Amino acid sequence: MLGAEDVLGSLGLRARPKPALELAGPEAALHRALLELGAALPDDLAQAVGLPPSEVLAHLTLLELKGLVLALPGGRYGVGA
């Protein structure tokens, strides 16, 4: 067995696909900026999307909870899986 799907398969079950998350507004802009920049500091993202750093940090937290952004060492953020 290699992963969760193998375990579910051996039990005769199938995993439900995750629904696609649609982003809008600042969250969409930040996600696009991270895709373009790769790992970035919140201040760099704030400059890229034209938002105050405090707002960027709030939106990054929401994106992190959705699994779309990862907090990386050194205070950087990157795109999640």
C-alpha atoms as a PDB file:
ATOM      1  CA  MET A   1       0.000   0.000   0.000  1.00  0.00           C
ATOM      2  CA  LEU A   2       1.319   3.385  -0.996  1.00  0.00           C
ATOM      3  CA  GLY A   3      -1.248   5.877   0.163  1.00  0.00           C
ATOM      4  CA  ALA A   4      -4.730   6.647   1.410  1.00  0.00           C
ATOM      5  CA  GLU A   5      -6.322   5.688  -1.911  1.00  0.00           C
ATOM      6  CA  ASP A   6      -4.759   2.209  -1.650  1.00  0.00           C
ATOM      7  CA  VAL A   7      -6.152   1.760   1.862  1.00  0.00           C
ATOM      8  CA  LEU A   8      -9.612   2.903   0.790  1.00  0.00           C
ATOM      9  CA  GLY A   9      -9.453   0.646  -2.272  1.00  0.00           C
ATOM     10  CA  SER A  10      -8.604  -2.381  -0.146  1.00  0.00           C
ATOM     11  CA  LEU A  11     -11.711  -1.625   1.932  1.00  0.00           C
ATOM     12  CA  GLY A  12     -13.864  -1.327  -1.182  1.00  0.00           C
ATOM     13  CA  LEU A  13     -14.224   2.424  -0.786  1.00  0.00           C
ATOM     14  CA  ARG A  14     -13.371   5.363  -3.031  1.00  0.00           C
ATOM     15  CA  ALA A  15     -12.102   8.769  -2.024  1.00  0.00           C
ATOM     16  CA  ARG A  16     -14.351  11.687  -2.852  1.00  0.00           C
ATOM     17  CA  PRO A  17     -12.635  14.295  -5.012  1.00  0.00           C
ATOM     18  CA  LYS A  18     -12.059  17.642  -3.367  1.00  0.00           C
ATOM     19  CA  PRO A  19     -14.218  20.403  -4.814  1.00  0.00           C
ATOM     20  CA  ALA A  20     -12.236  23.035  -6.660  1.00  0.00           C
ATOM     21  CA  LEU A  21     -11.835  26.253  -4.703  1.00  0.00           C
ATOM     22  CA  GLU A  22     -12.557  29.387  -6.637  1.00  0.00           C
ATOM     23  CA  LEU A  23     -10.642  32.420  -5.499  1.00  0.00           C
ATOM     24  CA  ALA A  24     -11.611  36.033  -6.026  1.00  0.00           C
ATOM     25  CA  GLY A  25     -10.344  39.442  -5.026  1.00  0.00           C
ATOM     26  CA  PRO A  26      -7.209  39.752  -2.897  1.00  0.00           C
ATOM     27  CA  GLU A  27      -6.886  36.001  -2.352  1.00  0.00           C
ATOM     28  CA  ALA A  28      -6.836  35.372  -6.103  1.00  0.00           C
ATOM     29  CA  ALA A  29      -4.309  38.175  -6.619  1.00  0.00           C
ATOM     30  CA  LEU A  30      -2.019  36.815  -3.889  1.00  0.00           C
ATOM     31  CA  HIS A  31      -2.217  33.269  -5.205  1.00  0.00           C
ATOM     32  CA  ARG A  32      -1.354  34.471  -8.730  1.00  0.00           C
ATOM     33  CA  ALA A  33       1.548  36.522  -7.355  1.00  0.00           C
ATOM     34  CA  LEU A  34       2.896  33.486  -5.505  1.00  0.00           C
ATOM     35  CA  LEU A  35       2.623  31.378  -8.649  1.00  0.00           C
ATOM     36  CA  GLU A  36       4.645  34.002 -10.521  1.00  0.00           C
ATOM     37  CA  LEU A  37       7.177  34.836  -7.795  1.00  0.00           C
ATOM     38  CA  GLY A  38       7.565  31.451  -6.152  1.00  0.00           C
ATOM     39  CA  ALA A  39       8.376  31.765  -2.445  1.00  0.00           C
ATOM     40  CA  ALA A  40       8.041  35.359  -1.301  1.00  0.00           C
ATOM     41  CA  LEU A  41       8.001  37.525   1.784  1.00  0.00           C
ATOM     42  CA  PRO A  42       4.710  39.181   2.775  1.00  0.00           C
ATOM     43  CA  ASP A  43       6.209  42.641   2.104  1.00  0.00           C
ATOM     44  CA  ASP A  44       7.128  41.603  -1.448  1.00  0.00           C
ATOM     45  CA  LEU A  45       3.632  40.236  -1.988  1.00  0.00           C
ATOM     46  CA  ALA A  46       2.098  43.428  -0.595  1.00  0.00           C
ATOM     47  CA  GLN A  47       4.057  45.443  -3.130  1.00  0.00           C
ATOM     48  CA  ALA A  48       3.131  43.046  -5.957  1.00  0.00           C
ATOM     49  CA  VAL A  49      -0.618  43.204  -5.303  1.00  0.00           C
ATOM     50  CA  GLY A  50      -0.893  46.749  -3.916  1.00  0.00           C
ATOM     51  CA  LEU A  51      -2.255  45.881  -0.473  1.00  0.00           C
ATOM     52  CA  PRO A  52      -1.016  46.813   2.998  1.00  0.00           C
ATOM     53  CA  PRO A  53       1.160  44.108   4.602  1.00  0.00           C
ATOM     54  CA  SER A  54      -1.385  43.564   7.400  1.00  0.00           C
ATOM     55  CA  GLU A  55      -4.091  42.684   4.840  1.00  0.00           C
ATOM     56  CA  VAL A  56      -1.690  40.450   2.942  1.00  0.00           C
ATOM     57  CA  LEU A  57      -0.908  38.506   6.132  1.00  0.00           C
ATOM     58  CA  ALA A  58      -4.617  38.055   6.887  1.00  0.00           C
ATOM     59  CA  HIS A  59      -5.316  36.743   3.369  1.00  0.00           C
ATOM     60  CA  LEU A  60      -2.238  34.506   3.461  1.00  0.00           C
ATOM     61  CA  THR A  61      -3.571  32.938   6.652  1.00  0.00           C
ATOM     62  CA  LEU A  62      -6.907  32.227   4.967  1.00  0.00           C
ATOM     63  CA  LEU A  63      -5.149  30.754   1.946  1.00  0.00           C
ATOM     64  CA  GLU A  64      -3.017  28.632   4.254  1.00  0.00           C
ATOM     65  CA  LEU A  65      -6.150  27.273   5.968  1.00  0.00           C
ATOM     66  CA  LYS A  66      -7.517  26.360   2.517  1.00  0.00           C
ATOM     67  CA  GLY A  67      -4.301  24.467   1.788  1.00  0.00           C
ATOM     68  CA  LEU A  68      -3.329  26.749  -1.095  1.00  0.00           C
ATOM     69  CA  VAL A  69      -0.383  28.462   0.583  1.00  0.00           C
ATOM     70  CA  LEU A  70       2.416  27.174   2.798  1.00  0.00           C
ATOM     71  CA  ALA A  71       4.322  29.129   5.436  1.00  0.00           C
ATOM     72  CA  LEU A  72       7.993  28.489   4.754  1.00  0.00           C
ATOM     73  CA  PRO A  73      11.140  29.056   6.819  1.00  0.00           C
ATOM     74  CA  GLY A  74      12.447  32.602   6.899  1.00  0.00           C
ATOM     75  CA  GLY A  75       8.985  34.181   6.930  1.00  0.00           C
ATOM     76  CA  ARG A  76       8.360  33.329   3.280  1.00  0.00           C
ATOM     77  CA  TYR A  77       5.191  31.902   1.789  1.00  0.00           C
ATOM     78  CA  GLY A  78       4.848  29.536  -1.140  1.00  0.00           C
ATOM     79  CA  VAL A  79       2.141  27.792  -3.113  1.00  0.00           C
ATOM     80  CA  GLY A  80       0.654  24.765  -1.363  1.00  0.00           C
ATOM     81  CA  ALA A  81      -0.422  21.494  -2.887  1.00  0.00           C
END
